[in-house]
Amino acid sequence: MTDISVTSPVERIARVLAAEALSINGDGEDASAASEIDAVWFSQIDRAIAVLKTLREPTPEMVQAGHEAAGDPAKTWNAMVRAALEQEATAS
């Protein structure tokens, strides 16, 4: 079964981008950056949207994997990413 997130993709990506810059697990130096990430992830929304826009069209490999799973993966992927871009990022 696939996990379903209740947080918008834009927010999740923005939080990852912020964490990459702040956390010791990325390029940062903070061993516990959660509160800092909560305070600044909004500043990464434009970059998060750019990432999602880049993913609108699947690669041939993704299409093949989707065909093996069933349905029209290119249309499904595109529709899902477009829906994600239309979602409003919400604060936790």
PDB file of N, CA and C in Angstrom:
ATOM      1  N   MET A   1       0.836  -1.186   0.000  1.00  0.00           N
ATOM      2  CA  MET A   1       0.000   0.000   0.000  1.00  0.00           C
ATOM      3  C   MET A   1       0.881   1.249   0.000  1.00  0.00           C
ATOM      4  N   THR A   2       0.471   2.253  -0.743  1.00  0.00           N
ATOM      5  CA  THR A   2       1.207   3.511  -0.820  1.00  0.00           C
ATOM      6  C   THR A   2       0.774   4.429   0.313  1.00  0.00           C
ATOM      7  N   ASP A   3       1.741   5.039   0.975  1.00  0.00           N
ATOM      8  CA  ASP A   3       1.417   6.015   2.013  1.00  0.00           C
ATOM      9  C   ASP A   3       0.830   7.256   1.348  1.00  0.00           C
ATOM     10  N   ILE A   4      -0.114   7.893   2.006  1.00  0.00           N
ATOM     11  CA  ILE A   4      -0.732   9.112   1.521  1.00  0.00           C
ATOM     12  C   ILE A   4      -0.410  10.229   2.512  1.00  0.00           C
ATOM     13  N   SER A   5       0.165  11.304   2.001  1.00  0.00           N
ATOM     14  CA  SER A   5       0.532  12.440   2.856  1.00  0.00           C
ATOM     15  C   SER A   5      -0.648  13.383   3.028  1.00  0.00           C
ATOM     16  N   VAL A   6      -0.745  13.977   4.196  1.00  0.00           N
ATOM     17  CA  VAL A   6      -1.775  14.996   4.432  1.00  0.00           C
ATOM     18  C   VAL A   6      -1.204  16.400   4.288  1.00  0.00           C
ATOM     19  N   THR A   7       0.104  16.496   4.105  1.00  0.00           N
ATOM     20  CA  THR A   7       0.775  17.779   3.901  1.00  0.00           C
ATOM     21  C   THR A   7       0.969  17.976   2.400  1.00  0.00           C
ATOM     22  N   SER A   8       0.764  19.200   1.922  1.00  0.00           N
ATOM     23  CA  SER A   8       0.888  19.453   0.482  1.00  0.00           C
ATOM     24  C   SER A   8       2.315  19.170   0.008  1.00  0.00           C
ATOM     25  N   PRO A   9       2.450  18.709  -1.245  1.00  0.00           N
ATOM     26  CA  PRO A   9       3.779  18.471  -1.789  1.00  0.00           C
ATOM     27  C   PRO A   9       4.649  19.728  -1.786  1.00  0.00           C
ATOM     28  N   VAL A  10       4.055  20.882  -2.035  1.00  0.00           N
ATOM     29  CA  VAL A  10       4.830  22.129  -2.024  1.00  0.00           C
ATOM     30  C   VAL A  10       5.442  22.342  -0.646  1.00  0.00           C
ATOM     31  N   GLU A  11       4.659  22.168   0.392  1.00  0.00           N
ATOM     32  CA  GLU A  11       5.193  22.346   1.743  1.00  0.00           C
ATOM     33  C   GLU A  11       6.258  21.306   2.059  1.00  0.00           C
ATOM     34  N   ARG A  12       6.024  20.059   1.696  1.00  0.00           N
ATOM     35  CA  ARG A  12       7.010  19.018   1.989  1.00  0.00           C
ATOM     36  C   ARG A  12       8.336  19.300   1.302  1.00  0.00           C
ATOM     37  N   ILE A  13       8.280  19.695   0.037  1.00  0.00           N
ATOM     38  CA  ILE A  13       9.520  20.003  -0.689  1.00  0.00           C
ATOM     39  C   ILE A  13      10.190  21.236  -0.089  1.00  0.00           C
ATOM     40  N   ALA A  14       9.416  22.267   0.233  1.00  0.00           N
ATOM     41  CA  ALA A  14       9.980  23.483   0.831  1.00  0.00           C
ATOM     42  C   ALA A  14      10.674  23.166   2.154  1.00  0.00           C
ATOM     43  N   ARG A  15      10.075  22.300   2.938  1.00  0.00           N
ATOM     44  CA  ARG A  15      10.684  21.910   4.216  1.00  0.00           C
ATOM     45  C   ARG A  15      11.992  21.139   3.987  1.00  0.00           C
ATOM     46  N   VAL A  16      12.018  20.281   2.985  1.00  0.00           N
ATOM     47  CA  VAL A  16      13.243  19.534   2.685  1.00  0.00           C
ATOM     48  C   VAL A  16      14.345  20.492   2.232  1.00  0.00           C
ATOM     49  N   LEU A  17      13.986  21.461   1.396  1.00  0.00           N
ATOM     50  CA  LEU A  17      14.986  22.436   0.939  1.00  0.00           C
ATOM     51  C   LEU A  17      15.535  23.245   2.121  1.00  0.00           C
ATOM     52  N   ALA A  18      14.653  23.652   3.017  1.00  0.00           N
ATOM     53  CA  ALA A  18      15.101  24.391   4.199  1.00  0.00           C
ATOM     54  C   ALA A  18      15.980  23.505   5.075  1.00  0.00           C
ATOM     55  N   ALA A  19      15.570  22.261   5.255  1.00  0.00           N
ATOM     56  CA  ALA A  19      16.341  21.341   6.092  1.00  0.00           C
ATOM     57  C   ALA A  19      17.718  21.080   5.503  1.00  0.00           C
ATOM     58  N   GLU A  20      17.791  20.976   4.199  1.00  0.00           N
ATOM     59  CA  GLU A  20      19.081  20.745   3.537  1.00  0.00           C
ATOM     60  C   GLU A  20      20.067  21.864   3.864  1.00  0.00           C
ATOM     61  N   ALA A  21      19.559  23.076   3.940  1.00  0.00           N
ATOM     62  CA  ALA A  21      20.428  24.223   4.212  1.00  0.00           C
ATOM     63  C   ALA A  21      20.788  24.344   5.693  1.00  0.00           C
ATOM     64  N   LEU A  22      19.919  23.860   6.571  1.00  0.00           N
ATOM     65  CA  LEU A  22      20.094  24.099   8.006  1.00  0.00           C
ATOM     66  C   LEU A  22      20.603  22.891   8.800  1.00  0.00           C
ATOM     67  N   SER A  23      20.177  21.718   8.427  1.00  0.00           N
ATOM     68  CA  SER A  23      20.432  20.525   9.228  1.00  0.00           C
ATOM     69  C   SER A  23      21.822  19.946   8.984  1.00  0.00           C
ATOM     70  N   ILE A  24      22.362  19.360  10.015  1.00  0.00           N
ATOM     71  CA  ILE A  24      23.649  18.673   9.909  1.00  0.00           C
ATOM     72  C   ILE A  24      23.541  17.487   8.958  1.00  0.00           C
ATOM     73  N   ASN A  25      22.328  16.994   8.748  1.00  0.00           N
ATOM     74  CA  ASN A  25      22.110  15.894   7.803  1.00  0.00           C
ATOM     75  C   ASN A  25      22.240  16.367   6.352  1.00  0.00           C
ATOM     76  N   GLY A  26      22.269  17.671   6.152  1.00  0.00           N
ATOM     77  CA  GLY A  26      22.464  18.254   4.829  1.00  0.00           C
ATOM     78  C   GLY A  26      23.736  19.070   4.823  1.00  0.00           C
ATOM     79  N   ASP A  27      23.611  20.344   4.406  1.00  0.00           N
ATOM     80  CA  ASP A  27      24.767  21.228   4.357  1.00  0.00           C
ATOM     81  C   ASP A  27      24.922  22.086   5.617  1.00  0.00           C
ATOM     82  N   GLY A  28      23.958  22.011   6.511  1.00  0.00           N
ATOM     83  CA  GLY A  28      23.974  22.853   7.699  1.00  0.00           C
ATOM     84  C   GLY A  28      24.785  22.271   8.838  1.00  0.00           C
ATOM     85  N   GLU A  29      24.708  22.956   9.957  1.00  0.00           N
ATOM     86  CA  GLU A  29      25.476  22.536  11.121  1.00  0.00           C
ATOM     87  C   GLU A  29      24.610  22.245  12.332  1.00  0.00           C
ATOM     88  N   ASP A  30      23.298  22.438  12.211  1.00  0.00           N
ATOM     89  CA  ASP A  30      22.392  22.274  13.345  1.00  0.00           C
ATOM     90  C   ASP A  30      21.962  20.815  13.475  1.00  0.00           C
ATOM     91  N   ALA A  31      22.272  20.201  14.623  1.00  0.00           N
ATOM     92  CA  ALA A  31      21.902  18.809  14.864  1.00  0.00           C
ATOM     93  C   ALA A  31      20.407  18.660  15.101  1.00  0.00           C
ATOM     94  N   SER A  32      19.743  19.717  15.508  1.00  0.00           N
ATOM     95  CA  SER A  32      18.298  19.692  15.753  1.00  0.00           C
ATOM     96  C   SER A  32      17.691  20.960  15.163  1.00  0.00           C
ATOM     97  N   ALA A  33      17.424  20.931  13.863  1.00  0.00           N
ATOM     98  CA  ALA A  33      17.004  22.138  13.141  1.00  0.00           C
ATOM     99  C   ALA A  33      15.499  22.271  12.979  1.00  0.00           C
ATOM    100  N   ALA A  34      14.718  21.421  13.612  1.00  0.00           N
ATOM    101  CA  ALA A  34      13.266  21.409  13.397  1.00  0.00           C
ATOM    102  C   ALA A  34      12.604  22.768  13.617  1.00  0.00           C
ATOM    103  N   SER A  35      12.936  23.446  14.704  1.00  0.00           N
ATOM    104  CA  SER A  35      12.287  24.735  14.976  1.00  0.00           C
ATOM    105  C   SER A  35      12.720  25.800  13.964  1.00  0.00           C
ATOM    106  N   GLU A  36      13.984  25.743  13.553  1.00  0.00           N
ATOM    107  CA  GLU A  36      14.451  26.681  12.524  1.00  0.00           C
ATOM    108  C   GLU A  36      13.746  26.420  11.196  1.00  0.00           C
ATOM    109  N   ILE A  37      13.588  25.159  10.854  1.00  0.00           N
ATOM    110  CA  ILE A  37      12.908  24.795   9.606  1.00  0.00           C
ATOM    111  C   ILE A  37      11.468  25.274   9.651  1.00  0.00           C
ATOM    112  N   ASP A  38      10.794  25.074  10.785  1.00  0.00           N
ATOM    113  CA  ASP A  38       9.415  25.553  10.945  1.00  0.00           C
ATOM    114  C   ASP A  38       9.313  27.054  10.707  1.00  0.00           C
ATOM    115  N   ALA A  39      10.359  27.773  11.074  1.00  0.00           N
ATOM    116  CA  ALA A  39      10.339  29.231  10.968  1.00  0.00           C
ATOM    117  C   ALA A  39      10.662  29.748   9.563  1.00  0.00           C
ATOM    118  N   VAL A  40      11.353  28.943   8.739  1.00  0.00           N
ATOM    119  CA  VAL A  40      11.827  29.480   7.460  1.00  0.00           C
ATOM    120  C   VAL A  40      11.366  28.729   6.214  1.00  0.00           C
ATOM    121  N   TRP A  41      10.660  27.627   6.364  1.00  0.00           N
ATOM    122  CA  TRP A  41      10.330  26.837   5.176  1.00  0.00           C
ATOM    123  C   TRP A  41       9.517  27.627   4.165  1.00  0.00           C
ATOM    124  N   PHE A  42       8.746  28.611   4.621  1.00  0.00           N
ATOM    125  CA  PHE A  42       7.941  29.427   3.698  1.00  0.00           C
ATOM    126  C   PHE A  42       8.820  30.109   2.650  1.00  0.00           C
ATOM    127  N   SER A  43      10.058  30.411   3.002  1.00  0.00           N
ATOM    128  CA  SER A  43      10.956  31.100   2.071  1.00  0.00           C
ATOM    129  C   SER A  43      11.398  30.199   0.914  1.00  0.00           C
ATOM    130  N   GLN A  44      11.100  28.924   1.003  1.00  0.00           N
ATOM    131  CA  GLN A  44      11.502  27.966  -0.028  1.00  0.00           C
ATOM    132  C   GLN A  44      10.349  27.570  -0.951  1.00  0.00           C
ATOM    133  N   ILE A  45       9.188  28.199  -0.801  1.00  0.00           N
ATOM    134  CA  ILE A  45       8.019  27.813  -1.592  1.00  0.00           C
ATOM    135  C   ILE A  45       8.264  27.975  -3.088  1.00  0.00           C
ATOM    136  N   ASP A  46       8.851  29.061  -3.528  1.00  0.00           N
ATOM    137  CA  ASP A  46       9.095  29.261  -4.956  1.00  0.00           C
ATOM    138  C   ASP A  46      10.004  28.166  -5.523  1.00  0.00           C
ATOM    139  N   ARG A  47      11.013  27.788  -4.780  1.00  0.00           N
ATOM    140  CA  ARG A  47      11.905  26.722  -5.224  1.00  0.00           C
ATOM    141  C   ARG A  47      11.176  25.384  -5.245  1.00  0.00           C
ATOM    142  N   ALA A  48      10.315  25.153  -4.275  1.00  0.00           N
ATOM    143  CA  ALA A  48       9.540  23.909  -4.230  1.00  0.00           C
ATOM    144  C   ALA A  48       8.620  23.809  -5.443  1.00  0.00           C
ATOM    145  N   ILE A  49       7.984  24.902  -5.786  1.00  0.00           N
ATOM    146  CA  ILE A  49       7.111  24.921  -6.962  1.00  0.00           C
ATOM    147  C   ILE A  49       7.929  24.649  -8.222  1.00  0.00           C
ATOM    148  N   ALA A  50       9.116  25.208  -8.309  1.00  0.00           N
ATOM    149  CA  ALA A  50       9.979  24.959  -9.469  1.00  0.00           C
ATOM    150  C   ALA A  50      10.316  23.474  -9.588  1.00  0.00           C
ATOM    151  N   VAL A  51      10.562  22.829  -8.458  1.00  0.00           N
ATOM    152  CA  VAL A  51      10.848  21.390  -8.470  1.00  0.00           C
ATOM    153  C   VAL A  51       9.638  20.627  -9.004  1.00  0.00           C
ATOM    154  N   LEU A  52       8.461  20.932  -8.505  1.00  0.00           N
ATOM    155  CA  LEU A  52       7.265  20.230  -8.971  1.00  0.00           C
ATOM    156  C   LEU A  52       6.994  20.477 -10.451  1.00  0.00           C
ATOM    157  N   LYS A  53       7.209  21.698 -10.901  1.00  0.00           N
ATOM    158  CA  LYS A  53       7.000  21.998 -12.324  1.00  0.00           C
ATOM    159  C   LYS A  53       7.939  21.162 -13.188  1.00  0.00           C
ATOM    160  N   THR A  54       9.140  20.931 -12.710  1.00  0.00           N
ATOM    161  CA  THR A  54      10.112  20.127 -13.437  1.00  0.00           C
ATOM    162  C   THR A  54       9.648  18.676 -13.554  1.00  0.00           C
ATOM    163  N   LEU A  55       8.892  18.210 -12.575  1.00  0.00           N
ATOM    164  CA  LEU A  55       8.465  16.813 -12.549  1.00  0.00           C
ATOM    165  C   LEU A  55       7.140  16.552 -13.259  1.00  0.00           C
ATOM    166  N   ARG A  56       6.571  17.560 -13.908  1.00  0.00           N
ATOM    167  CA  ARG A  56       5.271  17.359 -14.566  1.00  0.00           C
ATOM    168  C   ARG A  56       5.301  16.254 -15.611  1.00  0.00           C
ATOM    169  N   GLU A  57       6.365  16.185 -16.399  1.00  0.00           N
ATOM    170  CA  GLU A  57       6.447  15.183 -17.444  1.00  0.00           C
ATOM    171  C   GLU A  57       7.338  14.035 -16.976  1.00  0.00           C
ATOM    172  N   PRO A  58       6.819  12.807 -17.059  1.00  0.00           N
ATOM    173  CA  PRO A  58       7.606  11.656 -16.620  1.00  0.00           C
ATOM    174  C   PRO A  58       8.663  11.273 -17.657  1.00  0.00           C
ATOM    175  N   THR A  59       9.659  10.577 -17.205  1.00  0.00           N
ATOM    176  CA  THR A  59      10.670  10.032 -18.103  1.00  0.00           C
ATOM    177  C   THR A  59      10.136   8.747 -18.732  1.00  0.00           C
ATOM    178  N   PRO A  60      10.770   8.291 -19.805  1.00  0.00           N
ATOM    179  CA  PRO A  60      10.325   7.018 -20.388  1.00  0.00           C
ATOM    180  C   PRO A  60      10.343   5.864 -19.382  1.00  0.00           C
ATOM    181  N   GLU A  61      11.336   5.874 -18.516  1.00  0.00           N
ATOM    182  CA  GLU A  61      11.424   4.822 -17.504  1.00  0.00           C
ATOM    183  C   GLU A  61      10.248   4.889 -16.531  1.00  0.00           C
ATOM    184  N   MET A  62       9.861   6.080 -16.180  1.00  0.00           N
ATOM    185  CA  MET A  62       8.715   6.243 -15.282  1.00  0.00           C
ATOM    186  C   MET A  62       7.434   5.780 -15.967  1.00  0.00           C
ATOM    187  N   VAL A  63       7.304   6.122 -17.246  1.00  0.00           N
ATOM    188  CA  VAL A  63       6.125   5.699 -17.998  1.00  0.00           C
ATOM    189  C   VAL A  63       6.067   4.176 -18.049  1.00  0.00           C
ATOM    190  N   GLN A  64       7.198   3.564 -18.338  1.00  0.00           N
ATOM    191  CA  GLN A  64       7.234   2.102 -18.401  1.00  0.00           C
ATOM    192  C   GLN A  64       6.840   1.485 -17.057  1.00  0.00           C
ATOM    193  N   ALA A  65       7.400   2.013 -15.986  1.00  0.00           N
ATOM    194  CA  ALA A  65       7.053   1.499 -14.657  1.00  0.00           C
ATOM    195  C   ALA A  65       5.572   1.684 -14.385  1.00  0.00           C
ATOM    196  N   GLY A  66       5.020   2.811 -14.819  1.00  0.00           N
ATOM    197  CA  GLY A  66       3.592   3.053 -14.641  1.00  0.00           C
ATOM    198  C   GLY A  66       2.740   2.103 -15.455  1.00  0.00           C
ATOM    199  N   HIS A  67       3.186   1.805 -16.698  1.00  0.00           N
ATOM    200  CA  HIS A  67       2.458   0.837 -17.527  1.00  0.00           C
ATOM    201  C   HIS A  67       2.433  -0.526 -16.849  1.00  0.00           C
ATOM    202  N   GLU A  68       3.538  -0.868 -16.256  1.00  0.00           N
ATOM    203  CA  GLU A  68       3.604  -2.151 -15.561  1.00  0.00           C
ATOM    204  C   GLU A  68       2.689  -2.171 -14.350  1.00  0.00           C
ATOM    205  N   ALA A  69       2.445  -0.985 -13.761  1.00  0.00           N
ATOM    206  CA  ALA A  69       1.558  -0.893 -12.605  1.00  0.00           C
ATOM    207  C   ALA A  69       0.088  -0.809 -13.027  1.00  0.00           C
ATOM    208  N   ALA A  70      -0.187  -0.261 -14.231  1.00  0.00           N
ATOM    209  CA  ALA A  70      -1.535  -0.149 -14.826  1.00  0.00           C
ATOM    210  C   ALA A  70      -1.909   1.302 -15.067  1.00  0.00           C
ATOM    211  N   GLY A  71      -2.873   1.519 -15.957  1.00  0.00           N
ATOM    212  CA  GLY A  71      -3.389   2.854 -16.243  1.00  0.00           C
ATOM    213  C   GLY A  71      -2.537   3.621 -17.241  1.00  0.00           C
ATOM    214  N   ASP A  72      -2.838   4.900 -17.432  1.00  0.00           N
ATOM    215  CA  ASP A  72      -2.048   5.781 -18.299  1.00  0.00           C
ATOM    216  C   ASP A  72      -1.170   6.629 -17.389  1.00  0.00           C
ATOM    217  N   PRO A  73       0.049   6.180 -17.100  1.00  0.00           N
ATOM    218  CA  PRO A  73       0.885   6.847 -16.111  1.00  0.00           C
ATOM    219  C   PRO A  73       1.262   8.276 -16.467  1.00  0.00           C
ATOM    220  N   ALA A  74       1.457   8.570 -17.752  1.00  0.00           N
ATOM    221  CA  ALA A  74       1.849   9.930 -18.121  1.00  0.00           C
ATOM    222  C   ALA A  74       0.740  10.916 -17.776  1.00  0.00           C
ATOM    223  N   LYS A  75      -0.486  10.585 -18.108  1.00  0.00           N
ATOM    224  CA  LYS A  75      -1.614  11.466 -17.781  1.00  0.00           C
ATOM    225  C   LYS A  75      -1.856  11.511 -16.284  1.00  0.00           C
ATOM    226  N   THR A  76      -1.729  10.368 -15.623  1.00  0.00           N
ATOM    227  CA  THR A  76      -1.938  10.321 -14.175  1.00  0.00           C
ATOM    228  C   THR A  76      -0.883  11.152 -13.459  1.00  0.00           C
ATOM    229  N   TRP A  77       0.386  10.948 -13.824  1.00  0.00           N
ATOM    230  CA  TRP A  77       1.481  11.701 -13.196  1.00  0.00           C
ATOM    231  C   TRP A  77       1.290  13.198 -13.402  1.00  0.00           C
ATOM    232  N   ASN A  78       1.010  13.601 -14.640  1.00  0.00           N
ATOM    233  CA  ASN A  78       0.852  15.014 -14.953  1.00  0.00           C
ATOM    234  C   ASN A  78      -0.301  15.609 -14.158  1.00  0.00           C
ATOM    235  N   ALA A  79      -1.408  14.912 -14.116  1.00  0.00           N
ATOM    236  CA  ALA A  79      -2.575  15.409 -13.382  1.00  0.00           C
ATOM    237  C   ALA A  79      -2.281  15.530 -11.891  1.00  0.00           C
ATOM    238  N   MET A  80      -1.572  14.566 -11.345  1.00  0.00           N
ATOM    239  CA  MET A  80      -1.262  14.598  -9.916  1.00  0.00           C
ATOM    240  C   MET A  80      -0.307  15.740  -9.581  1.00  0.00           C
ATOM    241  N   VAL A  81       0.704  15.952 -10.411  1.00  0.00           N
ATOM    242  CA  VAL A  81       1.646  17.051 -10.143  1.00  0.00           C
ATOM    243  C   VAL A  81       0.938  18.392 -10.332  1.00  0.00           C
ATOM    244  N   ARG A  82       0.091  18.499 -11.354  1.00  0.00           N
ATOM    245  CA  ARG A  82      -0.664  19.746 -11.527  1.00  0.00           C
ATOM    246  C   ARG A  82      -1.554  20.014 -10.309  1.00  0.00           C
ATOM    247  N   ALA A  83      -2.185  18.976  -9.809  1.00  0.00           N
ATOM    248  CA  ALA A  83      -3.011  19.134  -8.611  1.00  0.00           C
ATOM    249  C   ALA A  83      -2.157  19.560  -7.421  1.00  0.00           C
ATOM    250  N   ALA A  84      -0.951  18.989  -7.308  1.00  0.00           N
ATOM    251  CA  ALA A  84      -0.046  19.363  -6.223  1.00  0.00           C
ATOM    252  C   ALA A  84       0.336  20.836  -6.324  1.00  0.00           C
ATOM    253  N   LEU A  85       0.583  21.304  -7.549  1.00  0.00           N
ATOM    254  CA  LEU A  85       0.949  22.720  -7.731  1.00  0.00           C
ATOM    255  C   LEU A  85      -0.208  23.652  -7.375  1.00  0.00           C
ATOM    256  N   GLU A  86      -1.415  23.165  -7.542  1.00  0.00           N
ATOM    257  CA  GLU A  86      -2.586  23.991  -7.234  1.00  0.00           C
ATOM    258  C   GLU A  86      -2.912  23.994  -5.746  1.00  0.00           C
ATOM    259  N   GLN A  87      -2.337  23.023  -5.007  1.00  0.00           N
ATOM    260  CA  GLN A  87      -2.590  22.969  -3.568  1.00  0.00           C
ATOM    261  C   GLN A  87      -1.932  24.146  -2.885  1.00  0.00           C
ATOM    262  N   GLU A  88      -2.575  24.649  -1.924  1.00  0.00           N
ATOM    263  CA  GLU A  88      -2.021  25.754  -1.142  1.00  0.00           C
ATOM    264  C   GLU A  88      -1.132  25.183  -0.046  1.00  0.00           C
ATOM    265  N   ALA A  89       0.068  25.709   0.070  1.00  0.00           N
ATOM    266  CA  ALA A  89       0.954  25.281   1.164  1.00  0.00           C
ATOM    267  C   ALA A  89       0.343  25.763   2.463  1.00  0.00           C
ATOM    268  N   THR A  90       0.270  24.865   3.422  1.00  0.00           N
ATOM    269  CA  THR A  90      -0.336  25.195   4.705  1.00  0.00           C
ATOM    270  C   THR A  90       0.674  25.066   5.831  1.00  0.00           C
ATOM    271  N   ALA A  91       0.576  25.936   6.777  1.00  0.00           N
ATOM    272  CA  ALA A  91       1.460  25.870   7.943  1.00  0.00           C
ATOM    273  C   ALA A  91       1.014  24.720   8.843  1.00  0.00           C
ATOM    274  N   SER A  92       1.967  24.082   9.436  1.00  0.00           N
ATOM    275  CA  SER A  92       1.639  22.976  10.356  1.00  0.00           C
ATOM    276  C   SER A  92       1.133  23.512  11.663  1.00  0.00           C
TER     277      SER A  92
END
